[in-house]
Amino acid sequence: MIPTLPRFTKVLFVALVAATVSFLAAPIRAQEQTTDSLSVTAIPPRLGEDNTLKVKPGEKTQIKVRARNSSNQVITIRSSAVDFIVEEDGTTPVPLETQVANSNRWSLASWLTVVPSQQTLQPNESGFVSVVIDVPADALPGGHYAMIVHQPNTGGLDDTAGTGSGINQRVGTLLYVIVEGPINEAAFIRDFSFADFMEFGPVPFSFVIENESDVHIRPQMNIDIYNLFGKKIATIQPDTKNVFPYESRSFSGEWDQIWGTGPYTAKLTMSFGDHGAVVIARTSFWLLPVKLVIAIIALLGILIIAGMSIRRHIIHRKTDQSARIQELETQVRDLQG
């Protein structure tokens, strides 16, 4: 038999448990509150992706970006310029922790001076950051890319104490700078395909754009769908995305057609660059409800067989009636004779 605890002991035990839970939960709540309260926003997230930020070799120019303290407390924000690479998905920019060598074809950070490098902002206050672009006289024509990174000057990447409680938030503005001069523009469409055969839509498609230009491109694309007789019956406009130099990027979508009646041809037309270069790719696919067609053919077959049987029966009855009439006429003639 388990002994019964005195009432005072029970109360003390419950109080100790509650205090322990509160003690363990307090650091978590405090860390969550700190993480939520320190928030920085980069304005704008991208600058120059529309090819408007152009410079000449040996030229010096200045642009401005903003860092916004979106938190509920005063924070000090550090701003700096770093190069970045794009992950294999062709979408996610990753700032580099170390400076890229000046010989890097696409490097931009070494040309940039960020002022101020540190500023204190009140809650919901925005601070301007001037970025001076000093282009070397021997700069190669084409695209050069960097990121203006902002981060709270608390913990994070500089957490040398090893507490692990630093704030690792970093935000930035991507800079797309084009150095004027002879720029090679070349891009290709790879692996353009629809689902080979489907009974019902929508019909998925995918393709890859490979950019071999000296500059990023933002291709404009149309997919025209043609039926068996060569008549255009639909046009699809995939969403455009930036493709960095010597990178590939995947695109996908679907044709929202539900019913189809045979083979179709799809033509993808892509235009890009300042000179309006055009690339075309084609593929074919089937959209046909086979089971429904088989059911209709079977039903038609049944109706045809039934019709033939009814017609044969009617003809047979007419033949029998004609023979009976002739027999009666013969009997009548015999009686009259």
Protein backbone atom coordinates (compact mmCIF):
# COMPACT_ATOMS: atom_id res chain seq x y z
CA MET A 1 0.00 0.00 0.00
CA ILE A 2 1.40 3.43 -0.97
CA PRO A 3 1.54 5.76 2.00
CA THR A 4 -0.53 8.93 1.82
CA LEU A 5 1.46 12.18 1.82
CA PRO A 6 0.51 14.79 4.40
CA ARG A 7 -1.40 17.78 3.05
CA PHE A 8 1.52 20.18 3.70
CA THR A 9 3.88 17.89 1.78
CA LYS A 10 1.52 17.77 -1.20
CA VAL A 11 1.26 21.55 -1.35
CA LEU A 12 5.05 21.92 -1.11
CA PHE A 13 5.58 19.32 -3.88
CA VAL A 14 3.15 21.07 -6.26
CA ALA A 15 4.79 24.44 -5.57
CA LEU A 16 8.26 23.04 -6.29
CA VAL A 17 7.09 21.52 -9.60
CA ALA A 18 5.45 24.77 -10.70
CA ALA A 19 8.56 26.77 -9.79
CA THR A 20 10.81 24.36 -11.71
CA VAL A 21 8.65 24.56 -14.85
CA SER A 22 8.57 28.36 -14.66
CA PHE A 23 12.37 28.48 -14.19
CA LEU A 24 13.02 26.24 -17.21
CA ALA A 25 10.56 28.10 -19.42
CA ALA A 26 11.80 31.59 -18.52
CA PRO A 27 15.07 31.48 -20.58
CA ILE A 28 13.15 30.16 -23.58
CA ARG A 29 10.61 32.96 -23.39
CA ALA A 30 13.35 35.53 -22.89
CA GLN A 31 15.29 34.24 -25.89
CA GLU A 32 12.16 34.20 -28.05
CA GLN A 33 11.34 37.75 -27.01
CA THR A 34 14.89 38.90 -27.79
CA THR A 35 14.87 37.15 -31.15
CA ASP A 36 11.52 38.65 -32.08
CA SER A 37 12.43 42.13 -30.87
CA LEU A 38 15.64 42.51 -32.90
CA SER A 39 14.49 42.80 -36.47
CA VAL A 40 16.08 44.63 -39.41
CA THR A 41 14.64 45.26 -42.88
CA ALA A 42 16.64 46.09 -46.01
CA ILE A 43 15.04 48.57 -48.42
CA PRO A 44 14.96 47.84 -51.32
CA PRO A 45 15.70 44.08 -51.40
CA ARG A 46 17.16 44.42 -54.91
CA LEU A 47 18.63 47.31 -56.84
CA GLY A 48 19.60 47.34 -60.52
CA GLU A 49 18.09 44.00 -61.55
CA ASP A 50 16.29 45.84 -64.39
CA ASN A 51 19.70 46.75 -65.91
CA THR A 52 19.35 50.42 -64.96
CA LEU A 53 22.42 50.57 -62.72
CA LYS A 54 25.08 51.04 -65.38
CA VAL A 55 28.57 52.47 -64.92
CA LYS A 56 31.65 53.03 -67.06
CA PRO A 57 35.20 51.82 -66.37
CA GLY A 58 37.01 54.37 -64.21
CA GLU A 59 33.74 56.03 -63.15
CA LYS A 60 32.69 56.76 -59.56
CA THR A 61 29.03 56.95 -58.62
CA GLN A 62 26.91 56.84 -55.49
CA ILE A 63 23.61 55.18 -54.59
CA LYS A 64 21.58 54.98 -51.39
CA VAL A 65 19.83 52.13 -49.63
CA ARG A 66 18.01 52.01 -46.32
CA ALA A 67 18.10 49.88 -43.21
CA ARG A 68 15.00 49.88 -41.05
CA ASN A 69 14.85 49.01 -37.36
CA SER A 70 11.62 47.00 -37.29
CA SER A 71 12.03 46.11 -33.62
CA ASN A 72 10.61 47.62 -30.44
CA GLN A 73 13.94 48.73 -28.99
CA VAL A 74 16.93 50.86 -29.89
CA ILE A 75 19.58 48.89 -31.77
CA THR A 76 22.87 49.56 -33.47
CA ILE A 77 23.09 48.26 -37.03
CA ARG A 78 26.31 47.45 -38.86
CA SER A 79 26.32 47.68 -42.66
CA SER A 80 28.93 46.24 -45.00
CA ALA A 81 29.43 45.07 -48.58
CA VAL A 82 30.07 41.42 -49.36
CA ASP A 83 30.13 39.31 -52.48
CA PHE A 84 27.65 36.49 -52.79
CA ILE A 85 27.08 33.29 -54.70
CA VAL A 86 23.85 31.67 -55.80
CA GLU A 87 22.95 28.23 -54.50
CA GLU A 88 22.30 25.31 -56.84
CA ASP A 89 18.59 26.17 -56.98
CA GLY A 90 19.58 29.32 -58.90
CA THR A 91 17.45 31.37 -56.50
CA THR A 92 18.99 31.77 -53.04
CA PRO A 93 21.85 34.30 -52.67
CA VAL A 94 24.45 33.31 -50.09
CA PRO A 95 26.74 36.08 -48.75
CA LEU A 96 30.40 35.07 -48.60
CA GLU A 97 32.14 35.31 -45.26
CA THR A 98 35.49 36.09 -46.87
CA GLN A 99 36.25 38.69 -49.48
CA VAL A 100 36.36 37.36 -53.02
CA ALA A 101 39.62 37.98 -54.82
CA ASN A 102 39.63 41.00 -57.09
CA SER A 103 40.31 38.72 -60.02
CA ASN A 104 36.85 37.17 -59.64
CA ARG A 105 34.93 37.94 -62.82
CA TRP A 106 31.69 38.95 -61.09
CA SER A 107 33.01 40.48 -57.88
CA LEU A 108 31.72 43.92 -56.86
CA ALA A 109 32.24 44.23 -53.11
CA SER A 110 35.86 45.39 -53.42
CA TRP A 111 34.64 48.42 -55.40
CA LEU A 112 32.16 49.52 -52.72
CA THR A 113 32.49 51.88 -49.77
CA VAL A 114 29.60 51.85 -47.29
CA VAL A 115 28.94 55.00 -45.20
CA PRO A 116 28.04 54.91 -42.38
CA SER A 117 29.24 51.45 -41.48
CA GLN A 118 27.41 51.63 -38.16
CA GLN A 119 24.40 53.61 -36.94
CA THR A 120 21.98 53.56 -34.03
CA LEU A 121 18.31 53.55 -34.91
CA GLN A 122 15.25 54.11 -32.76
CA PRO A 123 12.32 51.65 -32.93
CA ASN A 124 10.73 51.69 -36.42
CA GLU A 125 13.29 54.23 -37.64
CA SER A 126 15.00 54.00 -41.03
CA GLY A 127 18.56 55.04 -41.69
CA PHE A 128 20.09 55.82 -45.06
CA VAL A 129 23.30 54.11 -46.13
CA SER A 130 25.39 55.66 -48.91
CA VAL A 131 27.21 53.23 -51.19
CA VAL A 132 30.05 54.64 -53.28
CA ILE A 133 30.86 52.56 -56.37
CA ASP A 134 34.44 53.17 -57.51
CA VAL A 135 34.86 51.27 -60.78
CA PRO A 136 38.45 50.41 -61.73
CA ALA A 137 39.65 51.67 -65.09
CA ASP A 138 40.34 48.08 -66.21
CA ALA A 139 36.98 46.69 -65.06
CA LEU A 140 35.62 44.00 -67.36
CA PRO A 141 32.34 44.85 -69.12
CA GLY A 142 29.31 42.93 -67.93
CA GLY A 143 27.56 42.18 -64.66
CA HIS A 144 29.11 42.61 -61.21
CA TYR A 145 27.22 41.68 -58.07
CA ALA A 146 27.36 42.27 -54.32
CA MET A 147 25.14 42.48 -51.26
CA ILE A 148 24.85 45.37 -48.80
CA VAL A 149 24.37 43.48 -45.54
CA HIS A 150 22.78 44.89 -42.39
CA GLN A 151 22.82 43.15 -39.02
CA PRO A 152 22.27 44.11 -35.37
CA ASN A 153 25.51 44.83 -33.56
CA THR A 154 24.64 42.29 -30.83
CA GLY A 155 25.72 38.66 -30.69
CA GLY A 156 25.20 36.92 -34.00
CA LEU A 157 28.27 36.32 -36.10
CA ASP A 158 30.49 38.11 -33.56
CA ASP A 159 29.43 35.97 -30.63
CA THR A 160 32.99 35.20 -29.52
CA ALA A 161 31.89 34.31 -25.99
CA GLY A 162 30.43 31.10 -27.29
CA THR A 163 27.11 31.54 -25.52
CA GLY A 164 25.17 30.48 -28.58
CA SER A 165 22.51 33.05 -27.77
CA GLY A 166 23.46 35.61 -30.41
CA ILE A 167 21.07 36.94 -33.03
CA ASN A 168 22.05 35.60 -36.46
CA GLN A 169 19.68 37.70 -38.52
CA ARG A 170 21.24 39.32 -41.54
CA VAL A 171 19.36 41.09 -44.30
CA GLY A 172 20.66 42.80 -47.39
CA THR A 173 20.09 44.60 -50.64
CA LEU A 174 21.35 42.80 -53.74
CA LEU A 175 23.21 45.12 -56.12
CA TYR A 176 23.23 44.39 -59.85
CA VAL A 177 25.83 46.67 -61.47
CA ILE A 178 26.60 46.55 -65.20
CA VAL A 179 29.90 47.87 -66.49
CA GLU A 180 29.35 49.25 -69.97
CA GLY A 181 31.31 47.96 -72.94
CA PRO A 182 31.24 44.99 -75.33
CA ILE A 183 29.01 42.48 -73.54
CA ASN A 184 28.40 38.94 -74.78
CA GLU A 185 24.75 37.88 -74.60
CA ALA A 186 23.97 34.20 -75.05
CA ALA A 187 21.40 31.91 -73.47
CA PHE A 188 19.90 28.50 -74.24
CA ILE A 189 16.78 26.52 -73.42
CA ARG A 190 17.39 23.01 -72.11
CA ASP A 191 15.07 20.09 -71.42
CA PHE A 192 11.81 21.73 -72.54
CA SER A 193 9.07 19.13 -72.05
CA PHE A 194 5.44 18.56 -71.18
CA ALA A 195 4.14 15.33 -69.67
CA ASP A 196 4.30 12.92 -72.63
CA PHE A 197 0.81 11.52 -72.25
CA MET A 198 -2.10 12.43 -69.98
CA GLU A 199 -5.78 11.59 -70.02
CA PHE A 200 -6.85 14.75 -68.22
CA GLY A 201 -5.18 18.07 -67.45
CA PRO A 202 -3.75 20.26 -66.12
CA VAL A 203 -0.60 19.30 -68.02
CA PRO A 204 2.72 20.09 -66.24
CA PHE A 205 5.75 21.41 -68.11
CA SER A 206 9.32 22.32 -67.23
CA PHE A 207 12.49 23.67 -68.80
CA VAL A 208 15.90 25.03 -67.88
CA ILE A 209 17.46 28.30 -69.02
CA GLU A 210 21.24 28.33 -69.21
CA ASN A 211 22.78 31.79 -69.23
CA GLU A 212 26.19 32.07 -70.88
CA SER A 213 26.16 35.86 -71.00
CA ASP A 214 28.51 38.30 -69.32
CA VAL A 215 25.52 39.74 -67.49
CA HIS A 216 22.40 38.48 -65.72
CA ILE A 217 19.28 38.15 -67.84
CA ARG A 218 15.59 38.39 -67.05
CA PRO A 219 14.01 36.51 -69.97
CA GLN A 220 10.51 37.16 -71.28
CA MET A 221 8.81 33.90 -72.26
CA ASN A 222 5.69 32.70 -74.08
CA ILE A 223 4.54 29.13 -74.65
CA ASP A 224 2.13 28.69 -77.58
CA ILE A 225 0.05 25.49 -77.80
CA TYR A 226 -1.00 24.17 -81.24
CA ASN A 227 -3.51 21.40 -82.00
CA LEU A 228 -3.25 18.59 -84.56
CA PHE A 229 -4.17 20.95 -87.42
CA GLY A 230 -1.54 23.56 -86.52
CA LYS A 231 -4.00 26.05 -85.04
CA LYS A 232 -2.85 27.98 -81.97
CA ILE A 233 -5.33 27.32 -79.19
CA ALA A 234 -3.61 28.68 -76.06
CA THR A 235 -0.72 30.85 -74.81
CA ILE A 236 1.06 30.49 -71.47
CA GLN A 237 3.32 33.17 -69.96
CA PRO A 238 5.70 31.68 -67.35
CA ASP A 239 6.85 33.98 -64.56
CA THR A 240 10.18 35.58 -65.36
CA LYS A 241 13.16 35.29 -63.01
CA ASN A 242 16.75 36.51 -62.97
CA VAL A 243 19.38 34.10 -64.27
CA PHE A 244 22.92 34.99 -63.23
CA PRO A 245 25.89 34.73 -65.64
CA TYR A 246 27.01 31.19 -66.34
CA GLU A 247 24.25 29.79 -64.15
CA SER A 248 21.22 27.64 -64.95
CA ARG A 249 17.74 28.08 -63.53
CA SER A 250 14.76 25.76 -63.68
CA PHE A 251 11.25 26.90 -64.60
CA SER A 252 8.00 24.99 -64.33
CA GLY A 253 4.26 25.43 -64.62
CA GLU A 254 1.18 23.83 -66.10
CA TRP A 255 -1.31 24.20 -68.92
CA ASP A 256 -4.69 24.40 -67.20
CA GLN A 257 -6.54 22.60 -70.00
CA ILE A 258 -8.66 19.72 -68.61
CA TRP A 259 -9.92 18.02 -71.79
CA GLY A 260 -7.95 17.24 -74.92
CA THR A 261 -8.52 15.40 -78.16
CA GLY A 262 -5.17 14.38 -79.50
CA PRO A 263 -1.53 15.33 -80.00
CA TYR A 264 -0.39 18.89 -79.34
CA THR A 265 2.74 20.87 -80.11
CA ALA A 266 4.20 23.46 -77.71
CA LYS A 267 6.56 26.24 -78.83
CA LEU A 268 8.56 28.14 -76.21
CA THR A 269 9.82 31.56 -77.31
CA MET A 270 12.32 33.37 -75.08
CA SER A 271 13.63 36.90 -75.61
CA PHE A 272 16.39 38.47 -73.52
CA GLY A 273 19.14 41.07 -73.45
CA ASP A 274 19.48 44.62 -74.70
CA HIS A 275 19.61 43.44 -78.32
CA GLY A 276 16.39 41.42 -78.18
CA ALA A 277 17.91 38.00 -78.79
CA VAL A 278 15.33 35.25 -79.34
CA VAL A 279 15.58 31.51 -78.64
CA ILE A 280 12.88 28.97 -79.61
CA ALA A 281 12.31 25.41 -78.41
CA ARG A 282 9.56 22.93 -79.34
CA THR A 283 8.11 19.75 -77.91
CA SER A 284 5.00 17.60 -78.38
CA PHE A 285 2.68 15.72 -76.06
CA TRP A 286 -0.68 13.94 -75.92
CA LEU A 287 -3.81 14.90 -74.01
CA LEU A 288 -6.49 12.32 -74.67
CA PRO A 289 -9.03 10.63 -72.32
CA VAL A 290 -8.31 7.09 -73.52
CA LYS A 291 -10.68 5.32 -71.12
CA LEU A 292 -13.51 7.64 -72.05
CA VAL A 293 -12.80 7.18 -75.76
CA ILE A 294 -12.76 3.39 -75.34
CA ALA A 295 -16.07 3.54 -73.45
CA ILE A 296 -17.64 5.67 -76.21
CA ILE A 297 -16.34 3.32 -78.92
CA ALA A 298 -17.68 0.32 -77.01
CA LEU A 299 -21.07 2.02 -76.62
CA LEU A 300 -21.17 2.85 -80.32
CA GLY A 301 -20.28 -0.77 -81.11
CA ILE A 302 -23.10 -2.03 -78.93
CA LEU A 303 -25.54 0.36 -80.57
CA ILE A 304 -24.43 -0.69 -84.05
CA ILE A 305 -24.76 -4.40 -83.23
CA ALA A 306 -28.16 -3.80 -81.67
CA GLY A 307 -29.27 -1.83 -84.74
CA MET A 308 -28.11 -4.57 -87.08
CA SER A 309 -29.96 -7.20 -85.02
CA ILE A 310 -33.20 -5.18 -85.08
CA ARG A 311 -32.91 -4.61 -88.82
CA ARG A 312 -32.28 -8.31 -89.46
CA HIS A 313 -35.31 -9.18 -87.33
CA ILE A 314 -37.51 -6.74 -89.23
CA ILE A 315 -36.34 -8.05 -92.60
CA HIS A 316 -36.91 -11.63 -91.45
CA ARG A 317 -40.46 -10.82 -90.38
CA LYS A 318 -41.19 -9.13 -93.70
CA THR A 319 -39.87 -12.19 -95.55
CA ASP A 320 -42.04 -14.54 -93.50
CA GLN A 321 -45.13 -12.39 -94.10
CA SER A 322 -44.51 -12.31 -97.85
CA ALA A 323 -44.19 -16.10 -97.99
CA ARG A 324 -47.44 -16.53 -95.99
CA ILE A 325 -49.32 -14.13 -98.31
CA GLN A 326 -48.16 -16.04 -101.39
CA GLU A 327 -49.27 -19.32 -99.80
CA LEU A 328 -52.76 -17.92 -99.07
CA GLU A 329 -53.09 -16.52 -102.58
CA THR A 330 -52.18 -19.95 -103.99
CA GLN A 331 -54.84 -21.65 -101.85
CA VAL A 332 -57.47 -19.13 -102.95
CA ARG A 333 -56.69 -19.73 -106.64
CA ASP A 334 -56.93 -23.48 -106.12
CA LEU A 335 -60.40 -23.13 -104.55
CA GLN A 336 -61.61 -20.91 -107.38
CA GLY A 337 -60.37 -23.33 -110.00
